[in-house]
């Protein structure tokens, strides 16, 4: 699913919303986007992927998933960039003085990721595809 070698975009924006289902409904109705994935945790929709026709935009619940650690400050957007070797990218970023928020971590959805802030506090997530994991194994539902 999140594999750039299989056609997934190499750069994706993730936008923060206070009500992800309402945002999905609005964006699909008004802009014609198509929901392709929804993750629900404890009855709350915390993440959704929308196909725009030319790419993917991700939505996340502000204050839960889209938060700048360790401050806890909500972020309204995050750029997600796929790289070939996230550990090497992390080491280079640190050596060049980047403010990284955590070391690379393996995620249940088959990605290895770390977060960093740029010089104006934009939130960046650098990601490497490690393995394909069915969405149902990490609590998400896919749509045709």
Protein backbone atom coordinates (compact mmCIF):
# COMPACT_ATOMS: atom_id res chain seq x y z
CA UNK A 1 0.00 0.00 0.00
CA UNK A 2 2.49 2.72 1.10
CA UNK A 3 5.17 1.48 -1.30
CA UNK A 4 6.67 4.09 -3.67
CA UNK A 5 8.14 1.27 -5.78
CA UNK A 6 4.54 0.17 -6.46
CA UNK A 7 3.37 3.66 -7.47
CA UNK A 8 2.59 5.37 -4.13
CA UNK A 9 3.62 9.08 -4.32
CA UNK A 10 7.05 9.97 -2.95
CA UNK A 11 5.83 13.17 -1.26
CA UNK A 12 2.46 13.44 0.51
CA UNK A 13 0.92 16.21 2.60
CA UNK A 14 -0.98 15.27 5.75
CA UNK A 15 -3.49 17.91 6.89
CA UNK A 16 -4.81 18.20 10.42
CA UNK A 17 -8.55 18.43 11.09
CA UNK A 18 -10.49 18.51 14.34
CA UNK A 19 -13.19 16.27 12.78
CA UNK A 20 -11.68 13.85 10.26
CA UNK A 21 -15.00 12.24 9.13
CA UNK A 22 -16.51 15.69 8.48
CA UNK A 23 -13.41 16.67 6.51
CA UNK A 24 -13.61 13.45 4.47
CA UNK A 25 -17.29 14.10 3.73
CA UNK A 26 -16.63 17.70 2.71
CA UNK A 27 -13.53 17.00 0.59
CA UNK A 28 -15.14 14.07 -1.23
CA UNK A 29 -18.39 15.98 -1.86
CA UNK A 30 -16.94 19.36 -2.78
CA UNK A 31 -13.63 18.49 -4.45
CA UNK A 32 -14.53 15.03 -5.73
CA UNK A 33 -11.75 13.25 -3.86
CA UNK A 34 -12.22 9.53 -3.18
CA UNK A 35 -11.64 7.99 0.24
CA UNK A 36 -9.32 4.99 -0.07
CA UNK A 37 -8.39 4.26 3.56
CA UNK A 38 -9.75 5.04 7.04
CA UNK A 39 -8.14 4.25 10.40
CA UNK A 40 -10.33 4.19 13.51
CA UNK A 41 -8.89 3.83 17.02
CA UNK A 42 -11.22 3.36 19.98
CA UNK A 43 -14.19 4.46 17.89
CA UNK A 44 -12.54 7.69 16.70
CA UNK A 45 -11.45 8.23 13.10
CA UNK A 46 -7.86 9.41 13.46
CA UNK A 47 -6.57 9.06 9.89
CA UNK A 48 -7.84 8.87 6.31
CA UNK A 49 -6.25 8.75 2.88
CA UNK A 50 -8.00 10.48 -0.02
CA UNK A 51 -7.17 9.96 -3.69
CA UNK A 52 -7.24 13.32 -5.46
CA UNK A 53 -7.11 11.98 -9.00
CA UNK A 54 -3.46 12.95 -9.31
CA UNK A 55 -2.11 11.86 -5.93
CA UNK A 56 -2.94 11.32 -2.30
CA UNK A 57 -3.70 13.67 0.58
CA UNK A 58 -3.75 12.30 4.12
CA UNK A 59 -5.97 13.64 6.90
CA UNK A 60 -5.18 13.27 10.59
CA UNK A 61 -6.90 14.28 13.81
CA UNK A 62 -5.24 17.40 15.23
CA UNK A 63 -4.03 16.95 18.77
CA UNK A 64 -3.70 13.17 18.56
CA UNK A 65 -1.60 12.08 15.61
CA UNK A 66 -0.49 15.48 14.34
CA UNK A 67 1.38 16.84 17.35
CA UNK A 68 4.88 18.21 17.62
CA UNK A 69 6.67 16.20 20.31
CA UNK A 70 7.77 16.88 23.00
CA UNK A 71 5.87 20.19 23.15
CA UNK A 72 2.44 18.70 22.49
CA UNK A 73 1.66 21.63 20.19
CA UNK A 74 -0.86 20.63 17.50
CA UNK A 75 0.37 20.83 13.92
CA UNK A 76 -2.06 21.60 11.12
CA UNK A 77 0.04 20.01 8.38
CA UNK A 78 2.97 17.71 7.94
CA UNK A 79 4.93 16.80 4.82
CA UNK A 80 5.72 13.14 4.37
CA UNK A 81 8.70 12.30 2.16
CA UNK A 82 9.75 8.79 1.15
CA UNK A 83 13.48 8.12 1.16
CA UNK A 84 15.51 5.03 0.24
CA UNK A 85 17.30 4.69 3.59
CA UNK A 86 15.62 6.50 6.50
CA UNK A 87 18.43 5.71 8.97
CA UNK A 88 21.05 7.20 6.63
CA UNK A 89 18.79 10.21 6.00
CA UNK A 90 18.32 10.69 9.75
CA UNK A 91 22.09 10.55 10.39
CA UNK A 92 22.74 13.11 7.65
CA UNK A 93 19.98 15.43 8.90
CA UNK A 94 21.32 15.29 12.46
CA UNK A 95 24.89 15.90 11.27
CA UNK A 96 23.68 18.99 9.38
CA UNK A 97 21.96 20.36 12.48
CA UNK A 98 18.32 19.38 11.92
CA UNK A 99 16.05 19.40 14.95
CA UNK A 100 14.87 15.80 14.93
CA UNK A 101 12.01 14.88 17.23
CA UNK A 102 12.77 11.17 17.48
CA UNK A 103 14.98 8.52 15.94
CA UNK A 104 13.63 6.33 13.11
CA UNK A 105 10.90 3.98 14.36
CA UNK A 106 9.22 0.99 12.79
CA UNK A 107 5.46 1.53 12.44
CA UNK A 108 2.77 -1.18 12.33
CA UNK A 109 1.76 -0.11 8.80
CA UNK A 110 5.11 -1.28 7.38
CA UNK A 111 7.04 2.00 7.35
CA UNK A 112 10.12 3.21 9.22
CA UNK A 113 9.84 6.92 10.06
CA UNK A 114 11.30 9.87 11.92
CA UNK A 115 10.08 13.42 12.51
CA UNK A 116 12.02 16.67 12.14
CA UNK A 117 11.33 20.38 12.21
CA UNK A 118 12.79 22.69 9.60
CA UNK A 119 14.22 26.13 10.36
CA UNK A 120 10.69 27.66 10.47
CA UNK A 121 9.11 24.81 12.47
CA UNK A 122 7.37 23.00 9.62
CA UNK A 123 6.83 19.36 10.55
CA UNK A 124 8.50 16.80 8.26
CA UNK A 125 8.19 13.02 8.44
CA UNK A 126 10.82 11.05 6.53
CA UNK A 127 9.69 7.55 5.66
CA UNK A 128 11.06 4.32 4.25
CA UNK A 129 8.82 1.52 3.03
CA UNK A 130 9.95 -1.64 4.89
CA UNK A 131 7.20 -4.16 4.16
CA UNK A 132 3.62 -4.43 2.91
CA UNK A 133 1.12 -4.84 5.76
CA UNK A 134 -2.60 -5.29 5.13
CA UNK A 135 -4.54 -2.29 6.46
CA UNK A 136 -6.75 -4.53 8.60
CA UNK A 137 -3.66 -5.63 10.59
CA UNK A 138 -3.11 -2.07 11.86
CA UNK A 139 -6.71 -1.03 12.36
CA UNK A 140 -7.61 0.57 9.04
CA UNK A 141 -10.24 -0.13 6.43
CA UNK A 142 -9.63 0.28 2.69
CA UNK A 143 -12.25 1.30 0.14
CA UNK A 144 -12.40 0.38 -3.54
